[in-house]
Amino acid sequence: MWLIAYYVVFMIIGDLATYLIGLVVEREFGTAASLWVFIALYFLSLWIAWILAVRVTEPRHRSDPVVTIGHGSASVD
């Protein structure tokens, strides 16, 4: 659940950045260049949003062992 929520947030941020960069390119170089830049940046932002969402929601690893006690015996995980 959190993975998808973070992905949507990062995706919206990337979409906004892609749109603004596309606008600047369109005003400077025309619509044909803007289309290529927008498409490339759009898919790049989707990929980066997924990587960031996975890293943010990745479980933290513990360096110390966890001791669990159950059924009269202790075990180290």
PDB file of N, CA and C in Angstrom:
ATOM      1  N   MET A   1       0.821  -1.190   0.000  1.00  0.00           N
ATOM      2  CA  MET A   1       0.000   0.000   0.000  1.00  0.00           C
ATOM      3  C   MET A   1       0.868   1.259   0.000  1.00  0.00           C
ATOM      4  N   TRP A   2       1.858   1.292   0.895  1.00  0.00           N
ATOM      5  CA  TRP A   2       2.719   2.470   0.959  1.00  0.00           C
ATOM      6  C   TRP A   2       3.572   2.608  -0.297  1.00  0.00           C
ATOM      7  N   LEU A   3       3.941   1.496  -0.883  1.00  0.00           N
ATOM      8  CA  LEU A   3       4.731   1.534  -2.106  1.00  0.00           C
ATOM      9  C   LEU A   3       3.981   2.281  -3.202  1.00  0.00           C
ATOM     10  N   ILE A   4       2.718   1.968  -3.382  1.00  0.00           N
ATOM     11  CA  ILE A   4       1.927   2.626  -4.422  1.00  0.00           C
ATOM     12  C   ILE A   4       1.710   4.097  -4.087  1.00  0.00           C
ATOM     13  N   ALA A   5       1.487   4.403  -2.816  1.00  0.00           N
ATOM     14  CA  ALA A   5       1.284   5.802  -2.416  1.00  0.00           C
ATOM     15  C   ALA A   5       2.530   6.639  -2.708  1.00  0.00           C
ATOM     16  N   TYR A   6       3.696   6.117  -2.321  1.00  0.00           N
ATOM     17  CA  TYR A   6       4.931   6.849  -2.614  1.00  0.00           C
ATOM     18  C   TYR A   6       5.165   6.957  -4.118  1.00  0.00           C
ATOM     19  N   TYR A   7       4.865   5.889  -4.843  1.00  0.00           N
ATOM     20  CA  TYR A   7       5.042   5.923  -6.294  1.00  0.00           C
ATOM     21  C   TYR A   7       4.180   7.010  -6.929  1.00  0.00           C
ATOM     22  N   VAL A   8       2.940   7.130  -6.506  1.00  0.00           N
ATOM     23  CA  VAL A   8       2.043   8.150  -7.062  1.00  0.00           C
ATOM     24  C   VAL A   8       2.563   9.547  -6.741  1.00  0.00           C
ATOM     25  N   VAL A   9       3.040   9.750  -5.523  1.00  0.00           N
ATOM     26  CA  VAL A   9       3.565  11.069  -5.150  1.00  0.00           C
ATOM     27  C   VAL A   9       4.797  11.411  -5.991  1.00  0.00           C
ATOM     28  N   PHE A  10       5.740  10.471  -6.092  1.00  0.00           N
ATOM     29  CA  PHE A  10       6.937  10.722  -6.902  1.00  0.00           C
ATOM     30  C   PHE A  10       6.588  10.889  -8.376  1.00  0.00           C
ATOM     31  N   MET A  11       5.585  10.159  -8.848  1.00  0.00           N
ATOM     32  CA  MET A  11       5.162  10.257 -10.239  1.00  0.00           C
ATOM     33  C   MET A  11       4.565  11.639 -10.529  1.00  0.00           C
ATOM     34  N   ILE A  12       3.767  12.159  -9.619  1.00  0.00           N
ATOM     35  CA  ILE A  12       3.179  13.486  -9.807  1.00  0.00           C
ATOM     36  C   ILE A  12       4.265  14.555  -9.837  1.00  0.00           C
ATOM     37  N   ILE A  13       5.241  14.439  -8.956  1.00  0.00           N
ATOM     38  CA  ILE A  13       6.354  15.390  -8.947  1.00  0.00           C
ATOM     39  C   ILE A  13       7.123  15.312 -10.271  1.00  0.00           C
ATOM     40  N   GLY A  14       7.392  14.097 -10.732  1.00  0.00           N
ATOM     41  CA  GLY A  14       8.096  13.921 -12.009  1.00  0.00           C
ATOM     42  C   GLY A  14       7.295  14.420 -13.188  1.00  0.00           C
ATOM     43  N   ASP A  15       5.975  14.197 -13.174  1.00  0.00           N
ATOM     44  CA  ASP A  15       5.121  14.682 -14.261  1.00  0.00           C
ATOM     45  C   ASP A  15       5.123  16.202 -14.329  1.00  0.00           C
ATOM     46  N   LEU A  16       5.061  16.834 -13.178  1.00  0.00           N
ATOM     47  CA  LEU A  16       5.093  18.301 -13.145  1.00  0.00           C
ATOM     48  C   LEU A  16       6.419  18.832 -13.685  1.00  0.00           C
ATOM     49  N   ALA A  17       7.520  18.223 -13.265  1.00  0.00           N
ATOM     50  CA  ALA A  17       8.837  18.648 -13.757  1.00  0.00           C
ATOM     51  C   ALA A  17       8.954  18.414 -15.262  1.00  0.00           C
ATOM     52  N   THR A  18       8.462  17.273 -15.727  1.00  0.00           N
ATOM     53  CA  THR A  18       8.496  16.958 -17.158  1.00  0.00           C
ATOM     54  C   THR A  18       7.680  17.965 -17.957  1.00  0.00           C
ATOM     55  N   TYR A  19       6.520  18.306 -17.462  1.00  0.00           N
ATOM     56  CA  TYR A  19       5.662  19.286 -18.143  1.00  0.00           C
ATOM     57  C   TYR A  19       6.342  20.647 -18.241  1.00  0.00           C
ATOM     58  N   LEU A  20       6.927  21.094 -17.134  1.00  0.00           N
ATOM     59  CA  LEU A  20       7.572  22.412 -17.148  1.00  0.00           C
ATOM     60  C   LEU A  20       8.793  22.437 -18.064  1.00  0.00           C
ATOM     61  N   ILE A  21       9.578  21.384 -18.045  1.00  0.00           N
ATOM     62  CA  ILE A  21      10.731  21.319 -18.953  1.00  0.00           C
ATOM     63  C   ILE A  21      10.256  21.266 -20.401  1.00  0.00           C
ATOM     64  N   GLY A  22       9.177  20.518 -20.670  1.00  0.00           N
ATOM     65  CA  GLY A  22       8.605  20.466 -22.015  1.00  0.00           C
ATOM     66  C   GLY A  22       8.129  21.828 -22.493  1.00  0.00           C
ATOM     67  N   LEU A  23       7.545  22.611 -21.591  1.00  0.00           N
ATOM     68  CA  LEU A  23       7.114  23.963 -21.955  1.00  0.00           C
ATOM     69  C   LEU A  23       8.292  24.853 -22.349  1.00  0.00           C
ATOM     70  N   VAL A  24       9.350  24.772 -21.578  1.00  0.00           N
ATOM     71  CA  VAL A  24      10.537  25.581 -21.880  1.00  0.00           C
ATOM     72  C   VAL A  24      11.122  25.177 -23.230  1.00  0.00           C
ATOM     73  N   VAL A  25      11.217  23.876 -23.471  1.00  0.00           N
ATOM     74  CA  VAL A  25      11.766  23.391 -24.749  1.00  0.00           C
ATOM     75  C   VAL A  25      10.860  23.817 -25.902  1.00  0.00           C
ATOM     76  N   GLU A  26       9.554  23.780 -25.704  1.00  0.00           N
ATOM     77  CA  GLU A  26       8.626  24.177 -26.764  1.00  0.00           C
ATOM     78  C   GLU A  26       8.788  25.652 -27.119  1.00  0.00           C
ATOM     79  N   ARG A  27       8.972  26.478 -26.141  1.00  0.00           N
ATOM     80  CA  ARG A  27       9.130  27.918 -26.406  1.00  0.00           C
ATOM     81  C   ARG A  27      10.471  28.236 -27.058  1.00  0.00           C
ATOM     82  N   GLU A  28      11.494  27.436 -26.741  1.00  0.00           N
ATOM     83  CA  GLU A  28      12.823  27.704 -27.286  1.00  0.00           C
ATOM     84  C   GLU A  28      13.071  27.030 -28.636  1.00  0.00           C
ATOM     85  N   PHE A  29      12.573  25.783 -28.803  1.00  0.00           N
ATOM     86  CA  PHE A  29      12.945  25.009 -29.985  1.00  0.00           C
ATOM     87  C   PHE A  29      11.778  24.546 -30.838  1.00  0.00           C
ATOM     88  N   GLY A  30      10.548  24.710 -30.386  1.00  0.00           N
ATOM     89  CA  GLY A  30       9.398  24.318 -31.189  1.00  0.00           C
ATOM     90  C   GLY A  30       8.721  23.059 -30.680  1.00  0.00           C
ATOM     91  N   THR A  31       7.598  22.724 -31.320  1.00  0.00           N
ATOM     92  CA  THR A  31       6.776  21.625 -30.833  1.00  0.00           C
ATOM     93  C   THR A  31       7.377  20.250 -31.102  1.00  0.00           C
ATOM     94  N   ALA A  32       8.086  20.080 -32.207  1.00  0.00           N
ATOM     95  CA  ALA A  32       8.647  18.768 -32.528  1.00  0.00           C
ATOM     96  C   ALA A  32       9.698  18.362 -31.491  1.00  0.00           C
ATOM     97  N   ALA A  33      10.573  19.277 -31.153  1.00  0.00           N
ATOM     98  CA  ALA A  33      11.595  18.984 -30.144  1.00  0.00           C
ATOM     99  C   ALA A  33      10.953  18.782 -28.776  1.00  0.00           C
ATOM    100  N   SER A  34       9.928  19.563 -28.487  1.00  0.00           N
ATOM    101  CA  SER A  34       9.245  19.451 -27.212  1.00  0.00           C
ATOM    102  C   SER A  34       8.598  18.078 -27.027  1.00  0.00           C
ATOM    103  N   LEU A  35       8.031  17.541 -28.092  1.00  0.00           N
ATOM    104  CA  LEU A  35       7.401  16.229 -28.008  1.00  0.00           C
ATOM    105  C   LEU A  35       8.410  15.147 -27.643  1.00  0.00           C
ATOM    106  N   TRP A  36       9.565  15.149 -28.306  1.00  0.00           N
ATOM    107  CA  TRP A  36      10.587  14.140 -28.031  1.00  0.00           C
ATOM    108  C   TRP A  36      11.142  14.270 -26.620  1.00  0.00           C
ATOM    109  N   VAL A  37      11.376  15.493 -26.205  1.00  0.00           N
ATOM    110  CA  VAL A  37      11.901  15.726 -24.854  1.00  0.00           C
ATOM    111  C   VAL A  37      10.870  15.299 -23.808  1.00  0.00           C
ATOM    112  N   PHE A  38       9.599  15.654 -24.047  1.00  0.00           N
ATOM    113  CA  PHE A  38       8.556  15.302 -23.097  1.00  0.00           C
ATOM    114  C   PHE A  38       8.406  13.784 -22.967  1.00  0.00           C
ATOM    115  N   ILE A  39       8.349  13.078 -24.081  1.00  0.00           N
ATOM    116  CA  ILE A  39       8.184  11.624 -24.060  1.00  0.00           C
ATOM    117  C   ILE A  39       9.360  10.957 -23.319  1.00  0.00           C
ATOM    118  N   ALA A  40      10.574  11.381 -23.653  1.00  0.00           N
ATOM    119  CA  ALA A  40      11.755  10.786 -23.021  1.00  0.00           C
ATOM    120  C   ALA A  40      11.764  11.058 -21.517  1.00  0.00           C
ATOM    121  N   LEU A  41      11.511  12.284 -21.132  1.00  0.00           N
ATOM    122  CA  LEU A  41      11.523  12.627 -19.712  1.00  0.00           C
ATOM    123  C   LEU A  41      10.357  11.993 -18.957  1.00  0.00           C
ATOM    124  N   TYR A  42       9.225  11.825 -19.622  1.00  0.00           N
ATOM    125  CA  TYR A  42       8.064  11.220 -18.978  1.00  0.00           C
ATOM    126  C   TYR A  42       8.370   9.778 -18.561  1.00  0.00           C
ATOM    127  N   PHE A  43       8.880   8.982 -19.500  1.00  0.00           N
ATOM    128  CA  PHE A  43       9.191   7.595 -19.168  1.00  0.00           C
ATOM    129  C   PHE A  43      10.359   7.497 -18.185  1.00  0.00           C
ATOM    130  N   LEU A  44      11.316   8.399 -18.292  1.00  0.00           N
ATOM    131  CA  LEU A  44      12.413   8.431 -17.334  1.00  0.00           C
ATOM    132  C   LEU A  44      11.900   8.757 -15.930  1.00  0.00           C
ATOM    133  N   SER A  45      10.968   9.692 -15.840  1.00  0.00           N
ATOM    134  CA  SER A  45      10.432  10.052 -14.522  1.00  0.00           C
ATOM    135  C   SER A  45       9.614   8.915 -13.919  1.00  0.00           C
ATOM    136  N   LEU A  46       8.918   8.134 -14.744  1.00  0.00           N
ATOM    137  CA  LEU A  46       8.189   6.972 -14.225  1.00  0.00           C
ATOM    138  C   LEU A  46       9.155   5.944 -13.653  1.00  0.00           C
ATOM    139  N   TRP A  47      10.247   5.712 -14.358  1.00  0.00           N
ATOM    140  CA  TRP A  47      11.247   4.745 -13.910  1.00  0.00           C
ATOM    141  C   TRP A  47      11.909   5.206 -12.607  1.00  0.00           C
ATOM    142  N   ILE A  48      12.283   6.483 -12.550  1.00  0.00           N
ATOM    143  CA  ILE A  48      12.918   7.025 -11.354  1.00  0.00           C
ATOM    144  C   ILE A  48      11.945   7.032 -10.176  1.00  0.00           C
ATOM    145  N   ALA A  49      10.670   7.337 -10.436  1.00  0.00           N
ATOM    146  CA  ALA A  49       9.667   7.326  -9.367  1.00  0.00           C
ATOM    147  C   ALA A  49       9.531   5.930  -8.770  1.00  0.00           C
ATOM    148  N   TRP A  50       9.583   4.900  -9.610  1.00  0.00           N
ATOM    149  CA  TRP A  50       9.479   3.532  -9.099  1.00  0.00           C
ATOM    150  C   TRP A  50      10.693   3.174  -8.242  1.00  0.00           C
ATOM    151  N   ILE A  51      11.879   3.522  -8.711  1.00  0.00           N
ATOM    152  CA  ILE A  51      13.103   3.228  -7.954  1.00  0.00           C
ATOM    153  C   ILE A  51      13.082   3.944  -6.605  1.00  0.00           C
ATOM    154  N   LEU A  52      12.686   5.207  -6.588  1.00  0.00           N
ATOM    155  CA  LEU A  52      12.623   5.952  -5.333  1.00  0.00           C
ATOM    156  C   LEU A  52      11.583   5.368  -4.385  1.00  0.00           C
ATOM    157  N   ALA A  53      10.417   4.996  -4.915  1.00  0.00           N
ATOM    158  CA  ALA A  53       9.363   4.423  -4.076  1.00  0.00           C
ATOM    159  C   ALA A  53       9.811   3.106  -3.460  1.00  0.00           C
ATOM    160  N   VAL A  54      10.504   2.285  -4.230  1.00  0.00           N
ATOM    161  CA  VAL A  54      10.992   1.007  -3.698  1.00  0.00           C
ATOM    162  C   VAL A  54      12.044   1.247  -2.624  1.00  0.00           C
ATOM    163  N   ARG A  55      12.928   2.192  -2.832  1.00  0.00           N
ATOM    164  CA  ARG A  55      13.965   2.470  -1.828  1.00  0.00           C
ATOM    165  C   ARG A  55      13.391   3.043  -0.546  1.00  0.00           C
ATOM    166  N   VAL A  56      12.382   3.901  -0.672  1.00  0.00           N
ATOM    167  CA  VAL A  56      11.788   4.518   0.518  1.00  0.00           C
ATOM    168  C   VAL A  56      11.024   3.483   1.339  1.00  0.00           C
ATOM    169  N   THR A  57      10.357   2.554   0.682  1.00  0.00           N
ATOM    170  CA  THR A  57       9.540   1.574   1.397  1.00  0.00           C
ATOM    171  C   THR A  57      10.263   0.274   1.699  1.00  0.00           C
ATOM    172  N   GLU A  58      11.528   0.181   1.345  1.00  0.00           N
ATOM    173  CA  GLU A  58      12.299  -1.039   1.599  1.00  0.00           C
ATOM    174  C   GLU A  58      12.454  -1.250   3.099  1.00  0.00           C
ATOM    175  N   PRO A  59      12.240  -2.474   3.575  1.00  0.00           N
ATOM    176  CA  PRO A  59      12.394  -2.725   5.017  1.00  0.00           C
ATOM    177  C   PRO A  59      13.826  -2.478   5.471  1.00  0.00           C
ATOM    178  N   ARG A  60      13.950  -1.957   6.665  1.00  0.00           N
ATOM    179  CA  ARG A  60      15.273  -1.708   7.239  1.00  0.00           C
ATOM    180  C   ARG A  60      15.835  -3.023   7.744  1.00  0.00           C
ATOM    181  N   HIS A  61      17.118  -3.245   7.529  1.00  0.00           N
ATOM    182  CA  HIS A  61      17.770  -4.463   7.998  1.00  0.00           C
ATOM    183  C   HIS A  61      18.403  -4.198   9.359  1.00  0.00           C
ATOM    184  N   ARG A  62      18.225  -5.143  10.243  1.00  0.00           N
ATOM    185  CA  ARG A  62      18.827  -5.023  11.567  1.00  0.00           C
ATOM    186  C   ARG A  62      20.176  -5.717  11.572  1.00  0.00           C
ATOM    187  N   SER A  63      21.144  -5.090  12.194  1.00  0.00           N
ATOM    188  CA  SER A  63      22.465  -5.705  12.270  1.00  0.00           C
ATOM    189  C   SER A  63      22.589  -6.623  13.482  1.00  0.00           C
ATOM    190  N   ASP A  64      21.754  -6.389  14.512  1.00  0.00           N
ATOM    191  CA  ASP A  64      21.830  -7.242  15.697  1.00  0.00           C
ATOM    192  C   ASP A  64      20.770  -8.346  15.607  1.00  0.00           C
ATOM    193  N   PRO A  65      21.088  -9.531  16.098  1.00  0.00           N
ATOM    194  CA  PRO A  65      20.124 -10.634  16.014  1.00  0.00           C
ATOM    195  C   PRO A  65      18.946 -10.412  16.961  1.00  0.00           C
ATOM    196  N   VAL A  66      17.798 -10.934  16.577  1.00  0.00           N
ATOM    197  CA  VAL A  66      16.591 -10.832  17.384  1.00  0.00           C
ATOM    198  C   VAL A  66      16.390 -12.154  18.105  1.00  0.00           C
ATOM    199  N   VAL A  67      16.213 -12.093  19.389  1.00  0.00           N
ATOM    200  CA  VAL A  67      15.999 -13.305  20.178  1.00  0.00           C
ATOM    201  C   VAL A  67      14.502 -13.497  20.356  1.00  0.00           C
ATOM    202  N   THR A  68      14.019 -14.666  19.947  1.00  0.00           N
ATOM    203  CA  THR A  68      12.600 -14.980  20.126  1.00  0.00           C
ATOM    204  C   THR A  68      12.488 -16.155  21.094  1.00  0.00           C
ATOM    205  N   ILE A  69      11.513 -16.067  21.963  1.00  0.00           N
ATOM    206  CA  ILE A  69      11.298 -17.118  22.949  1.00  0.00           C
ATOM    207  C   ILE A  69       9.914 -17.703  22.698  1.00  0.00           C
ATOM    208  N   GLY A  70       9.862 -19.006  22.560  1.00  0.00           N
ATOM    209  CA  GLY A  70       8.571 -19.651  22.358  1.00  0.00           C
ATOM    210  C   GLY A  70       8.654 -21.111  22.681  1.00  0.00           C
ATOM    211  N   HIS A  71       7.624 -21.648  23.294  1.00  0.00           N
ATOM    212  CA  HIS A  71       7.508 -23.061  23.629  1.00  0.00           C
ATOM    213  C   HIS A  71       8.675 -23.576  24.480  1.00  0.00           C
ATOM    214  N   GLY A  72       9.125 -22.750  25.392  1.00  0.00           N
ATOM    215  CA  GLY A  72      10.124 -23.204  26.335  1.00  0.00           C
ATOM    216  C   GLY A  72      11.566 -23.157  25.833  1.00  0.00           C
ATOM    217  N   SER A  73      11.812 -22.665  24.633  1.00  0.00           N
ATOM    218  CA  SER A  73      13.190 -22.592  24.148  1.00  0.00           C
ATOM    219  C   SER A  73      13.430 -21.227  23.505  1.00  0.00           C
ATOM    220  N   ALA A  74      14.662 -20.797  23.550  1.00  0.00           N
ATOM    221  CA  ALA A  74      15.018 -19.515  22.951  1.00  0.00           C
ATOM    222  C   ALA A  74      15.773 -19.788  21.663  1.00  0.00           C
ATOM    223  N   SER A  75      15.494 -19.001  20.668  1.00  0.00           N
ATOM    224  CA  SER A  75      16.221 -19.126  19.404  1.00  0.00           C
ATOM    225  C   SER A  75      16.657 -17.746  18.929  1.00  0.00           C
ATOM    226  N   VAL A  76      17.733 -17.732  18.206  1.00  0.00           N
ATOM    227  CA  VAL A  76      18.265 -16.486  17.653  1.00  0.00           C
ATOM    228  C   VAL A  76      17.972 -16.471  16.165  1.00  0.00           C
ATOM    229  N   ASP A  77      17.295 -15.419  15.705  1.00  0.00           N
ATOM    230  CA  ASP A  77      16.977 -15.270  14.282  1.00  0.00           C
ATOM    231  C   ASP A  77      17.919 -14.293  13.626  1.00  0.00           C
TER     232      ASP A  77
END
